[in-house]
Amino acid sequence: MKKQYKVHLDESLKTEADALFESMGLSFSTAVGLFLSATIKKGELPFKVAATDAARERAAKARL
Protein backbone atom coordinates (compact mmCIF):
# COMPACT_ATOMS: atom_id res chain seq x y z
CA MET A 1 0.00 0.00 0.00
CA LYS A 2 1.36 3.40 -0.93
CA LYS A 3 0.86 6.44 1.28
CA GLN A 4 1.35 10.12 0.57
CA TYR A 5 3.77 12.19 2.70
CA LYS A 6 4.47 15.90 2.92
CA VAL A 7 8.02 17.28 2.92
CA HIS A 8 9.28 20.84 3.03
CA LEU A 9 11.93 21.62 0.40
CA ASP A 10 13.48 24.69 -1.10
CA GLU A 11 11.59 25.33 -4.34
CA SER A 12 14.74 25.60 -6.47
CA LEU A 13 16.08 22.32 -5.04
CA LYS A 14 12.84 20.53 -5.97
CA THR A 15 12.83 22.08 -9.46
CA GLU A 16 16.43 21.01 -10.14
CA ALA A 17 15.81 17.53 -8.73
CA ASP A 18 12.67 17.11 -10.84
CA ALA A 19 14.60 18.03 -14.00
CA LEU A 20 17.43 15.63 -13.19
CA PHE A 21 15.12 12.76 -12.29
CA GLU A 22 13.03 13.36 -15.41
CA SER A 23 16.19 13.13 -17.53
CA MET A 24 16.74 9.69 -15.93
CA GLY A 25 13.17 8.63 -16.59
CA LEU A 26 12.24 8.82 -12.90
CA SER A 27 9.56 10.66 -11.00
CA PHE A 28 10.43 12.50 -7.80
CA SER A 29 8.52 9.88 -5.79
CA THR A 30 10.38 7.01 -7.45
CA ALA A 31 13.75 8.68 -6.82
CA VAL A 32 12.92 9.24 -3.14
CA GLY A 33 11.79 5.61 -2.89
CA LEU A 34 15.11 4.47 -4.40
CA PHE A 35 17.01 6.61 -1.89
CA LEU A 36 15.05 5.17 1.04
CA SER A 37 15.47 1.59 -0.24
CA ALA A 38 19.24 2.07 -0.64
CA THR A 39 19.48 3.56 2.84
CA ILE A 40 17.63 0.62 4.38
CA LYS A 41 19.64 -1.95 2.38
CA LYS A 42 22.99 -0.45 3.43
CA GLY A 43 21.88 0.43 6.96
CA GLU A 44 23.32 3.90 6.41
CA LEU A 45 23.11 6.78 3.98
CA PRO A 46 24.15 5.65 0.49
CA PHE A 47 26.74 8.43 0.30
CA LYS A 48 29.29 10.06 2.58
CA VAL A 49 28.16 13.08 4.60
CA ALA A 50 30.80 15.45 5.94
CA ALA A 51 30.68 18.87 7.51
CA THR A 52 32.32 21.72 5.64
CA ASP A 53 35.25 23.51 7.23
CA ALA A 54 32.98 26.51 7.90
CA ALA A 55 30.41 24.30 9.63
CA ARG A 56 33.08 22.65 11.79
CA GLU A 57 34.41 26.10 12.72
CA ARG A 58 30.92 27.33 13.71
CA ALA A 59 30.38 24.18 15.80
CA ALA A 60 33.72 24.65 17.56
CA LYS A 61 32.90 28.27 18.37
CA ALA A 62 29.46 27.27 19.67
CA ARG A 63 31.09 24.85 22.14
CA LEU A 64 33.19 27.65 23.69
PDB file of N, CA and C in Angstrom:
ATOM      1  N   MET A   1       0.841  -1.180   0.000  1.00  0.00           N
ATOM      2  CA  MET A   1       0.000   0.000   0.000  1.00  0.00           C
ATOM      3  C   MET A   1       0.890   1.249   0.000  1.00  0.00           C
ATOM      4  N   LYS A   2       0.592   2.153  -0.870  1.00  0.00           N
ATOM      5  CA  LYS A   2       1.356   3.402  -0.931  1.00  0.00           C
ATOM      6  C   LYS A   2       0.626   4.469  -0.132  1.00  0.00           C
ATOM      7  N   LYS A   3       1.410   5.357   0.471  1.00  0.00           N
ATOM      8  CA  LYS A   3       0.857   6.437   1.282  1.00  0.00           C
ATOM      9  C   LYS A   3       1.541   7.734   0.869  1.00  0.00           C
ATOM     10  N   GLN A   4       0.814   8.822   0.946  1.00  0.00           N
ATOM     11  CA  GLN A   4       1.351  10.124   0.568  1.00  0.00           C
ATOM     12  C   GLN A   4       1.936  10.814   1.803  1.00  0.00           C
ATOM     13  N   TYR A   5       3.116  11.461   1.622  1.00  0.00           N
ATOM     14  CA  TYR A   5       3.774  12.190   2.704  1.00  0.00           C
ATOM     15  C   TYR A   5       4.058  13.616   2.253  1.00  0.00           C
ATOM     16  N   LYS A   6       4.196  14.491   3.209  1.00  0.00           N
ATOM     17  CA  LYS A   6       4.469  15.899   2.924  1.00  0.00           C
ATOM     18  C   LYS A   6       5.878  16.226   3.414  1.00  0.00           C
ATOM     19  N   VAL A   7       6.675  16.841   2.549  1.00  0.00           N
ATOM     20  CA  VAL A   7       8.019  17.285   2.924  1.00  0.00           C
ATOM     21  C   VAL A   7       8.170  18.758   2.572  1.00  0.00           C
ATOM     22  N   HIS A   8       9.013  19.428   3.290  1.00  0.00           N
ATOM     23  CA  HIS A   8       9.281  20.841   3.030  1.00  0.00           C
ATOM     24  C   HIS A   8      10.657  20.950   2.386  1.00  0.00           C
ATOM     25  N   LEU A   9      10.689  21.473   1.157  1.00  0.00           N
ATOM     26  CA  LEU A   9      11.931  21.619   0.404  1.00  0.00           C
ATOM     27  C   LEU A   9      12.027  23.017  -0.180  1.00  0.00           C
ATOM     28  N   ASP A  10      13.254  23.446  -0.376  1.00  0.00           N
ATOM     29  CA  ASP A  10      13.483  24.685  -1.101  1.00  0.00           C
ATOM     30  C   ASP A  10      12.962  24.494  -2.524  1.00  0.00           C
ATOM     31  N   GLU A  11      12.217  25.455  -3.025  1.00  0.00           N
ATOM     32  CA  GLU A  11      11.592  25.335  -4.344  1.00  0.00           C
ATOM     33  C   GLU A  11      12.614  25.080  -5.454  1.00  0.00           C
ATOM     34  N   SER A  12      13.749  25.781  -5.411  1.00  0.00           N
ATOM     35  CA  SER A  12      14.741  25.597  -6.469  1.00  0.00           C
ATOM     36  C   SER A  12      15.378  24.205  -6.405  1.00  0.00           C
ATOM     37  N   LEU A  13      15.547  23.676  -5.199  1.00  0.00           N
ATOM     38  CA  LEU A  13      16.084  22.317  -5.041  1.00  0.00           C
ATOM     39  C   LEU A  13      15.138  21.301  -5.670  1.00  0.00           C
ATOM     40  N   LYS A  14      13.850  21.448  -5.410  1.00  0.00           N
ATOM     41  CA  LYS A  14      12.845  20.535  -5.970  1.00  0.00           C
ATOM     42  C   LYS A  14      12.803  20.648  -7.492  1.00  0.00           C
ATOM     43  N   THR A  15      12.862  21.861  -8.010  1.00  0.00           N
ATOM     44  CA  THR A  15      12.832  22.080  -9.459  1.00  0.00           C
ATOM     45  C   THR A  15      14.029  21.420 -10.136  1.00  0.00           C
ATOM     46  N   GLU A  16      15.226  21.622  -9.573  1.00  0.00           N
ATOM     47  CA  GLU A  16      16.428  21.014 -10.138  1.00  0.00           C
ATOM     48  C   GLU A  16      16.377  19.492 -10.041  1.00  0.00           C
ATOM     49  N   ALA A  17      15.912  18.986  -8.913  1.00  0.00           N
ATOM     50  CA  ALA A  17      15.810  17.533  -8.726  1.00  0.00           C
ATOM     51  C   ALA A  17      14.816  16.943  -9.720  1.00  0.00           C
ATOM     52  N   ASP A  18      13.670  17.586  -9.885  1.00  0.00           N
ATOM     53  CA  ASP A  18      12.668  17.108 -10.844  1.00  0.00           C
ATOM     54  C   ASP A  18      13.261  17.009 -12.250  1.00  0.00           C
ATOM     55  N   ALA A  19      14.002  18.027 -12.660  1.00  0.00           N
ATOM     56  CA  ALA A  19      14.599  18.032 -14.001  1.00  0.00           C
ATOM     57  C   ALA A  19      15.616  16.895 -14.148  1.00  0.00           C
ATOM     58  N   LEU A  20      16.437  16.702 -13.136  1.00  0.00           N
ATOM     59  CA  LEU A  20      17.430  15.635 -13.188  1.00  0.00           C
ATOM     60  C   LEU A  20      16.754  14.265 -13.227  1.00  0.00           C
ATOM     61  N   PHE A  21      15.798  14.054 -12.330  1.00  0.00           N
ATOM     62  CA  PHE A  21      15.116  12.760 -12.286  1.00  0.00           C
ATOM     63  C   PHE A  21      14.365  12.486 -13.585  1.00  0.00           C
ATOM     64  N   GLU A  22      13.744  13.524 -14.147  1.00  0.00           N
ATOM     65  CA  GLU A  22      13.025  13.365 -15.410  1.00  0.00           C
ATOM     66  C   GLU A  22      13.985  12.928 -16.519  1.00  0.00           C
ATOM     67  N   SER A  23      15.198  13.499 -16.513  1.00  0.00           N
ATOM     68  CA  SER A  23      16.185  13.125 -17.533  1.00  0.00           C
ATOM     69  C   SER A  23      16.622  11.669 -17.381  1.00  0.00           C
ATOM     70  N   MET A  24      16.408  11.094 -16.198  1.00  0.00           N
ATOM     71  CA  MET A  24      16.736   9.691 -15.931  1.00  0.00           C
ATOM     72  C   MET A  24      15.521   8.786 -16.103  1.00  0.00           C
ATOM     73  N   GLY A  25      14.391   9.406 -16.441  1.00  0.00           N
ATOM     74  CA  GLY A  25      13.167   8.630 -16.592  1.00  0.00           C
ATOM     75  C   GLY A  25      12.499   8.281 -15.278  1.00  0.00           C
ATOM     76  N   LEU A  26      12.787   9.069 -14.234  1.00  0.00           N
ATOM     77  CA  LEU A  26      12.241   8.818 -12.899  1.00  0.00           C
ATOM     78  C   LEU A  26      11.339   9.960 -12.451  1.00  0.00           C
ATOM     79  N   SER A  27      10.345   9.627 -11.665  1.00  0.00           N
ATOM     80  CA  SER A  27       9.556  10.663 -10.997  1.00  0.00           C
ATOM     81  C   SER A  27      10.260  11.005  -9.685  1.00  0.00           C
ATOM     82  N   PHE A  28       9.881  12.114  -9.094  1.00  0.00           N
ATOM     83  CA  PHE A  28      10.434  12.504  -7.798  1.00  0.00           C
ATOM     84  C   PHE A  28      10.142  11.414  -6.770  1.00  0.00           C
ATOM     85  N   SER A  29       8.914  10.914  -6.756  1.00  0.00           N
ATOM     86  CA  SER A  29       8.521   9.877  -5.790  1.00  0.00           C
ATOM     87  C   SER A  29       9.344   8.609  -5.959  1.00  0.00           C
ATOM     88  N   THR A  30       9.578   8.212  -7.197  1.00  0.00           N
ATOM     89  CA  THR A  30      10.379   7.009  -7.447  1.00  0.00           C
ATOM     90  C   THR A  30      11.815   7.214  -6.969  1.00  0.00           C
ATOM     91  N   ALA A  31      12.381   8.377  -7.242  1.00  0.00           N
ATOM     92  CA  ALA A  31      13.749   8.677  -6.820  1.00  0.00           C
ATOM     93  C   ALA A  31      13.865   8.666  -5.295  1.00  0.00           C
ATOM     94  N   VAL A  32      12.901   9.248  -4.603  1.00  0.00           N
ATOM     95  CA  VAL A  32      12.919   9.244  -3.138  1.00  0.00           C
ATOM     96  C   VAL A  32      12.801   7.802  -2.636  1.00  0.00           C
ATOM     97  N   GLY A  33      11.935   7.018  -3.266  1.00  0.00           N
ATOM     98  CA  GLY A  33      11.792   5.615  -2.888  1.00  0.00           C
ATOM     99  C   GLY A  33      13.091   4.842  -3.071  1.00  0.00           C
ATOM    100  N   LEU A  34      13.814   5.108  -4.170  1.00  0.00           N
ATOM    101  CA  LEU A  34      15.113   4.465  -4.402  1.00  0.00           C
ATOM    102  C   LEU A  34      16.117   4.858  -3.317  1.00  0.00           C
ATOM    103  N   PHE A  35      16.125   6.138  -2.957  1.00  0.00           N
ATOM    104  CA  PHE A  35      17.009   6.614  -1.891  1.00  0.00           C
ATOM    105  C   PHE A  35      16.707   5.896  -0.576  1.00  0.00           C
ATOM    106  N   LEU A  36      15.430   5.814  -0.216  1.00  0.00           N
ATOM    107  CA  LEU A  36      15.055   5.168   1.040  1.00  0.00           C
ATOM    108  C   LEU A  36      15.395   3.677   1.015  1.00  0.00           C
ATOM    109  N   SER A  37      15.143   3.020  -0.109  1.00  0.00           N
ATOM    110  CA  SER A  37      15.471   1.592  -0.237  1.00  0.00           C
ATOM    111  C   SER A  37      16.973   1.356  -0.099  1.00  0.00           C
ATOM    112  N   ALA A  38      17.789   2.197  -0.738  1.00  0.00           N
ATOM    113  CA  ALA A  38      19.244   2.068  -0.644  1.00  0.00           C
ATOM    114  C   ALA A  38      19.722   2.306   0.785  1.00  0.00           C
ATOM    115  N   THR A  39      19.121   3.269   1.461  1.00  0.00           N
ATOM    116  CA  THR A  39      19.481   3.564   2.841  1.00  0.00           C
ATOM    117  C   THR A  39      19.180   2.369   3.741  1.00  0.00           C
ATOM    118  N   ILE A  40      18.023   1.783   3.566  1.00  0.00           N
ATOM    119  CA  ILE A  40      17.634   0.623   4.375  1.00  0.00           C
ATOM    120  C   ILE A  40      18.543  -0.572   4.064  1.00  0.00           C
ATOM    121  N   LYS A  41      18.805  -0.818   2.790  1.00  0.00           N
ATOM    122  CA  LYS A  41      19.636  -1.953   2.383  1.00  0.00           C
ATOM    123  C   LYS A  41      21.040  -1.854   2.972  1.00  0.00           C
ATOM    124  N   LYS A  42      21.630  -0.647   2.917  1.00  0.00           N
ATOM    125  CA  LYS A  42      22.989  -0.453   3.429  1.00  0.00           C
ATOM    126  C   LYS A  42      23.029  -0.266   4.942  1.00  0.00           C
ATOM    127  N   GLY A  43      21.905   0.143   5.529  1.00  0.00           N
ATOM    128  CA  GLY A  43      21.883   0.432   6.962  1.00  0.00           C
ATOM    129  C   GLY A  43      22.538   1.758   7.288  1.00  0.00           C
ATOM    130  N   GLU A  44      22.715   2.569   6.263  1.00  0.00           N
ATOM    131  CA  GLU A  44      23.319   3.895   6.413  1.00  0.00           C
ATOM    132  C   GLU A  44      22.993   4.695   5.154  1.00  0.00           C
ATOM    133  N   LEU A  45      23.327   5.981   5.179  1.00  0.00           N
ATOM    134  CA  LEU A  45      23.113   6.784   3.981  1.00  0.00           C
ATOM    135  C   LEU A  45      23.947   6.216   2.837  1.00  0.00           C
ATOM    136  N   PRO A  46      23.419   6.233   1.613  1.00  0.00           N
ATOM    137  CA  PRO A  46      24.150   5.653   0.491  1.00  0.00           C
ATOM    138  C   PRO A  46      25.236   6.563  -0.081  1.00  0.00           C
ATOM    139  N   PHE A  47      25.672   7.530   0.701  1.00  0.00           N
ATOM    140  CA  PHE A  47      26.744   8.435   0.304  1.00  0.00           C
ATOM    141  C   PHE A  47      27.373   8.995   1.568  1.00  0.00           C
ATOM    142  N   LYS A  48      28.579   9.496   1.441  1.00  0.00           N
ATOM    143  CA  LYS A  48      29.289  10.060   2.585  1.00  0.00           C
ATOM    144  C   LYS A  48      28.770  11.464   2.895  1.00  0.00           C
ATOM    145  N   VAL A  49      28.574  11.749   4.160  1.00  0.00           N
ATOM    146  CA  VAL A  49      28.156  13.080   4.602  1.00  0.00           C
ATOM    147  C   VAL A  49      29.268  13.633   5.484  1.00  0.00           C
ATOM    148  N   ALA A  50      29.737  14.830   5.160  1.00  0.00           N
ATOM    149  CA  ALA A  50      30.798  15.454   5.941  1.00  0.00           C
ATOM    150  C   ALA A  50      30.494  16.933   6.108  1.00  0.00           C
ATOM    151  N   ALA A  51      30.861  17.451   7.254  1.00  0.00           N
ATOM    152  CA  ALA A  51      30.681  18.875   7.505  1.00  0.00           C
ATOM    153  C   ALA A  51      31.728  19.662   6.739  1.00  0.00           C
ATOM    154  N   THR A  52      31.351  20.839   6.294  1.00  0.00           N
ATOM    155  CA  THR A  52      32.319  21.717   5.642  1.00  0.00           C
ATOM    156  C   THR A  52      33.227  22.322   6.705  1.00  0.00           C
ATOM    157  N   ASP A  53      34.342  22.864   6.285  1.00  0.00           N
ATOM    158  CA  ASP A  53      35.249  23.514   7.226  1.00  0.00           C
ATOM    159  C   ASP A  53      34.531  24.632   7.976  1.00  0.00           C
ATOM    160  N   ALA A  54      33.715  25.397   7.274  1.00  0.00           N
ATOM    161  CA  ALA A  54      32.985  26.509   7.905  1.00  0.00           C
ATOM    162  C   ALA A  54      32.015  25.975   8.959  1.00  0.00           C
ATOM    163  N   ALA A  55      31.344  24.879   8.666  1.00  0.00           N
ATOM    164  CA  ALA A  55      30.406  24.302   9.631  1.00  0.00           C
ATOM    165  C   ALA A  55      31.143  23.782  10.858  1.00  0.00           C
ATOM    166  N   ARG A  56      32.291  23.143  10.649  1.00  0.00           N
ATOM    167  CA  ARG A  56      33.082  22.655  11.795  1.00  0.00           C
ATOM    168  C   ARG A  56      33.556  23.825  12.644  1.00  0.00           C
ATOM    169  N   GLU A  57      33.954  24.919  11.993  1.00  0.00           N
ATOM    170  CA  GLU A  57      34.408  26.101  12.719  1.00  0.00           C
ATOM    171  C   GLU A  57      33.273  26.704  13.544  1.00  0.00           C
ATOM    172  N   ARG A  58      32.082  26.806  12.962  1.00  0.00           N
ATOM    173  CA  ARG A  58      30.925  27.331  13.715  1.00  0.00           C
ATOM    174  C   ARG A  58      30.597  26.425  14.902  1.00  0.00           C
ATOM    175  N   ALA A  59      30.667  25.116  14.715  1.00  0.00           N
ATOM    176  CA  ALA A  59      30.377  24.185  15.799  1.00  0.00           C
ATOM    177  C   ALA A  59      31.399  24.323  16.916  1.00  0.00           C
ATOM    178  N   ALA A  60      32.656  24.483  16.551  1.00  0.00           N
ATOM    179  CA  ALA A  60      33.719  24.647  17.561  1.00  0.00           C
ATOM    180  C   ALA A  60      33.504  25.918  18.352  1.00  0.00           C
ATOM    181  N   LYS A  61      33.137  27.000  17.679  1.00  0.00           N
ATOM    182  CA  LYS A  61      32.903  28.269  18.366  1.00  0.00           C
ATOM    183  C   LYS A  61      31.681  28.162  19.279  1.00  0.00           C
ATOM    184  N   ALA A  62      30.680  27.418  18.878  1.00  0.00           N
ATOM    185  CA  ALA A  62      29.461  27.271  19.668  1.00  0.00           C
ATOM    186  C   ALA A  62      29.745  26.504  20.968  1.00  0.00           C
ATOM    187  N   ARG A  63      30.749  25.630  20.938  1.00  0.00           N
ATOM    188  CA  ARG A  63      31.091  24.846  22.141  1.00  0.00           C
ATOM    189  C   ARG A  63      31.827  25.677  23.174  1.00  0.00           C
ATOM    190  N   LEU A  64      32.398  26.808  22.774  1.00  0.00           N
ATOM    191  CA  LEU A  64      33.189  27.649  23.695  1.00  0.00           C
ATOM    192  C   LEU A  64      32.335  28.356  24.703  1.00  0.00           C
TER     193      LEU A  64
END
